[in-house]
Each structure stands twice: as structure tokens, then as C-alpha cells.
């Protein structure tokens, strides 16, 4: 994607769980329906909770799967995804919490 498209894309996008797709995963689409459908993240066996990062560069996702204990960080542009290093649940958020 070129930079002009990405800048426009960040301002007008939404994320949807599309269970009818062959990969059963998260897909990112523009809110106005134009442009490509970008699949990202692992294959899911069901639904998932997901949140955009405050700067719109990542999606924090937790699947509704009883075997999963860690959330995933997804690249909305379809790049690599990672598992977060801490135990998670469906009530996770981007807000930092002070521990001291």
C-alpha cells in the first residue's frame, strides 16, 4: 500500500469478524466499503473480541475459545501477528494500569 492510501485508510476503517470467510478470521475493511478486504491474525474457531490501538497501528484481539489464554496483536495491513506475553481475557484493553 502506498502512504497516501494508508493515511486515508487509517481515518476511515473498521474491523469486522467475518465468519463466512474460509479462514474464519479478522478482516479489515474501509468503512465506505471501497478497497481491499485485508485478512489478519490467526484462524479462529469462533467469535472474538477486538480493539483498535489508540494510534490505529494494531488490533488487540482475544478469541472466544476456552483453550486460549493470551491475546494477539494483529497488523491491520495484513502483516505478521504476535501473541502477547501476558495472560489475558476478553476484558483486556489498551489502557495502562499502574502497578506501584
C-alpha atoms as a PDB file:
ATOM      1  CA  UNK A   1       0.000   0.000   0.000  1.00  0.00           C
ATOM      2  CA  UNK A   2       1.225   3.488  -0.683  1.00  0.00           C
ATOM      3  CA  UNK A   3       1.453   6.061   2.124  1.00  0.00           C
ATOM      4  CA  UNK A   4      -1.385   8.269   0.799  1.00  0.00           C
ATOM      5  CA  UNK A   5      -3.732   5.299   0.782  1.00  0.00           C
ATOM      6  CA  UNK A   6      -2.655   4.246   4.296  1.00  0.00           C
ATOM      7  CA  UNK A   7      -3.229   7.764   5.732  1.00  0.00           C
ATOM      8  CA  UNK A   8      -6.724   7.822   4.220  1.00  0.00           C
ATOM      9  CA  UNK A   9      -7.306   4.215   5.233  1.00  0.00           C
ATOM     10  CA  UNK A  10      -6.472   4.799   8.921  1.00  0.00           C
ATOM     11  CA  UNK A  11      -9.090   7.558   9.159  1.00  0.00           C
ATOM     12  CA  UNK A  12     -11.915   5.583   7.546  1.00  0.00           C
ATOM     13  CA  UNK A  13     -11.572   1.965   8.541  1.00  0.00           C
ATOM     14  CA  UNK A  14     -13.359  -0.520  10.709  1.00  0.00           C
ATOM     15  CA  UNK A  15     -12.651  -4.106  11.694  1.00  0.00           C
ATOM     16  CA  UNK A  16     -15.165  -6.878  11.298  1.00  0.00           C
ATOM     17  CA  UNK A  17     -15.234 -10.525  12.254  1.00  0.00           C
ATOM     18  CA  UNK A  18     -16.214 -12.338   9.086  1.00  0.00           C
ATOM     19  CA  UNK A  19     -17.128 -15.925   9.996  1.00  0.00           C
ATOM     20  CA  UNK A  20     -18.096 -16.785   6.428  1.00  0.00           C
ATOM     21  CA  UNK A  21     -14.546 -16.365   5.132  1.00  0.00           C
ATOM     22  CA  UNK A  22     -12.638 -19.574   4.516  1.00  0.00           C
ATOM     23  CA  UNK A  23     -10.031 -18.612   7.122  1.00  0.00           C
ATOM     24  CA  UNK A  24     -12.514 -17.639   9.859  1.00  0.00           C
ATOM     25  CA  UNK A  25     -10.512 -14.662  10.999  1.00  0.00           C
ATOM     26  CA  UNK A  26     -10.444 -10.915  11.425  1.00  0.00           C
ATOM     27  CA  UNK A  27     -10.772  -8.865   8.259  1.00  0.00           C
ATOM     28  CA  UNK A  28     -10.137  -5.136   7.973  1.00  0.00           C
ATOM     29  CA  UNK A  29     -12.269  -3.178   5.557  1.00  0.00           C
ATOM     30  CA  UNK A  30     -12.783   0.511   4.853  1.00  0.00           C
ATOM     31  CA  UNK A  31     -15.934   1.919   6.408  1.00  0.00           C
ATOM     32  CA  UNK A  32     -17.140   3.093   2.990  1.00  0.00           C
ATOM     33  CA  UNK A  33     -16.737  -0.404   1.503  1.00  0.00           C
ATOM     34  CA  UNK A  34     -14.095   0.544  -1.055  1.00  0.00           C
ATOM     35  CA  UNK A  35     -10.648  -1.003  -1.252  1.00  0.00           C
ATOM     36  CA  UNK A  36      -9.444  -4.494  -0.462  1.00  0.00           C
ATOM     37  CA  UNK A  37     -10.545  -6.809   2.337  1.00  0.00           C
ATOM     38  CA  UNK A  38      -7.406  -7.440   4.391  1.00  0.00           C
ATOM     39  CA  UNK A  39      -7.351 -10.623   6.457  1.00  0.00           C
ATOM     40  CA  UNK A  40      -5.137 -10.624   9.525  1.00  0.00           C
ATOM     41  CA  UNK A  41      -4.404 -12.788  12.541  1.00  0.00           C
ATOM     42  CA  UNK A  42      -4.783 -16.475  13.314  1.00  0.00           C
ATOM     43  CA  UNK A  43      -7.582 -18.753  12.167  1.00  0.00           C
ATOM     44  CA  UNK A  44     -10.431 -18.597  14.697  1.00  0.00           C
ATOM     45  CA  UNK A  45     -12.769 -21.381  15.763  1.00  0.00           C
ATOM     46  CA  UNK A  46     -15.482 -18.900  16.785  1.00  0.00           C
ATOM     47  CA  UNK A  47     -16.005 -15.235  17.538  1.00  0.00           C
ATOM     48  CA  UNK A  48     -13.507 -12.828  19.105  1.00  0.00           C
ATOM     49  CA  UNK A  49     -13.242  -9.545  20.987  1.00  0.00           C
ATOM     50  CA  UNK A  50     -11.027  -6.932  19.374  1.00  0.00           C
ATOM     51  CA  UNK A  51      -9.960  -3.331  19.911  1.00  0.00           C
ATOM     52  CA  UNK A  52      -8.038  -0.847  17.765  1.00  0.00           C
ATOM     53  CA  UNK A  53      -4.923   0.646  19.338  1.00  0.00           C
ATOM     54  CA  UNK A  54      -5.207   4.380  20.114  1.00  0.00           C
ATOM     55  CA  UNK A  55      -2.896   5.192  17.180  1.00  0.00           C
ATOM     56  CA  UNK A  56      -4.676   2.736  14.814  1.00  0.00           C
ATOM     57  CA  UNK A  57      -1.497   0.752  14.088  1.00  0.00           C
ATOM     58  CA  UNK A  58      -2.514  -2.546  15.769  1.00  0.00           C
ATOM     59  CA  UNK A  59      -5.572  -4.570  16.713  1.00  0.00           C
ATOM     60  CA  UNK A  60      -5.659  -6.268  20.122  1.00  0.00           C
ATOM     61  CA  UNK A  61      -7.720  -9.445  19.764  1.00  0.00           C
ATOM     62  CA  UNK A  62      -8.871 -12.130  22.196  1.00  0.00           C
ATOM     63  CA  UNK A  63     -10.708 -15.159  20.750  1.00  0.00           C
ATOM     64  CA  UNK A  64     -13.776 -16.664  22.435  1.00  0.00           C
ATOM     65  CA  UNK A  65     -12.019 -20.014  22.678  1.00  0.00           C
ATOM     66  CA  UNK A  66     -11.653 -21.693  26.068  1.00  0.00           C
ATOM     67  CA  UNK A  67      -8.182 -23.002  25.175  1.00  0.00           C
ATOM     68  CA  UNK A  68      -6.688 -19.536  24.523  1.00  0.00           C
ATOM     69  CA  UNK A  69      -5.058 -17.704  27.444  1.00  0.00           C
ATOM     70  CA  UNK A  70      -3.173 -14.926  25.631  1.00  0.00           C
ATOM     71  CA  UNK A  71      -4.412 -12.153  23.378  1.00  0.00           C
ATOM     72  CA  UNK A  72      -2.966 -11.420  19.953  1.00  0.00           C
ATOM     73  CA  UNK A  73      -1.578  -8.239  18.405  1.00  0.00           C
ATOM     74  CA  UNK A  74      -2.654  -8.039  14.778  1.00  0.00           C
ATOM     75  CA  UNK A  75      -1.316  -5.911  11.953  1.00  0.00           C
ATOM     76  CA  UNK A  76      -4.317  -4.239  10.244  1.00  0.00           C
ATOM     77  CA  UNK A  77      -2.346  -4.191   6.998  1.00  0.00           C
ATOM     78  CA  UNK A  78      -2.186  -7.999   6.934  1.00  0.00           C
ATOM     79  CA  UNK A  79       1.372  -8.401   8.205  1.00  0.00           C
ATOM     80  CA  UNK A  80       2.648 -10.674  10.953  1.00  0.00           C
ATOM     81  CA  UNK A  81       0.682 -11.106  14.162  1.00  0.00           C
ATOM     82  CA  UNK A  82       2.051 -11.989  17.597  1.00  0.00           C
ATOM     83  CA  UNK A  83       0.834 -13.396  20.892  1.00  0.00           C
ATOM     84  CA  UNK A  84       1.130 -11.040  23.862  1.00  0.00           C
ATOM     85  CA  UNK A  85       3.487 -12.298  26.619  1.00  0.00           C
ATOM     86  CA  UNK A  86       0.927 -11.989  29.441  1.00  0.00           C
ATOM     87  CA  UNK A  87      -2.188 -13.985  30.348  1.00  0.00           C
ATOM     88  CA  UNK A  88      -5.292 -12.283  29.008  1.00  0.00           C
ATOM     89  CA  UNK A  89      -9.063 -12.478  28.964  1.00  0.00           C
ATOM     90  CA  UNK A  90     -11.903 -10.976  26.949  1.00  0.00           C
ATOM     91  CA  UNK A  91     -11.962  -7.843  29.154  1.00  0.00           C
ATOM     92  CA  UNK A  92      -8.481  -6.631  28.067  1.00  0.00           C
ATOM     93  CA  UNK A  93      -7.959  -3.046  26.919  1.00  0.00           C
ATOM     94  CA  UNK A  94      -5.203  -0.727  25.709  1.00  0.00           C
ATOM     95  CA  UNK A  95      -5.273   1.294  28.935  1.00  0.00           C
ATOM     96  CA  UNK A  96      -2.156   1.015  31.062  1.00  0.00           C
ATOM     97  CA  UNK A  97      -2.664   0.320  34.722  1.00  0.00           C
ATOM     98  CA  UNK A  98      -0.127   1.489  37.333  1.00  0.00           C
ATOM     99  CA  UNK A  99       1.211  -1.357  39.444  1.00  0.00           C
ATOM    100  CA  UNK A 100       3.136   0.679  42.042  1.00  0.00           C
END
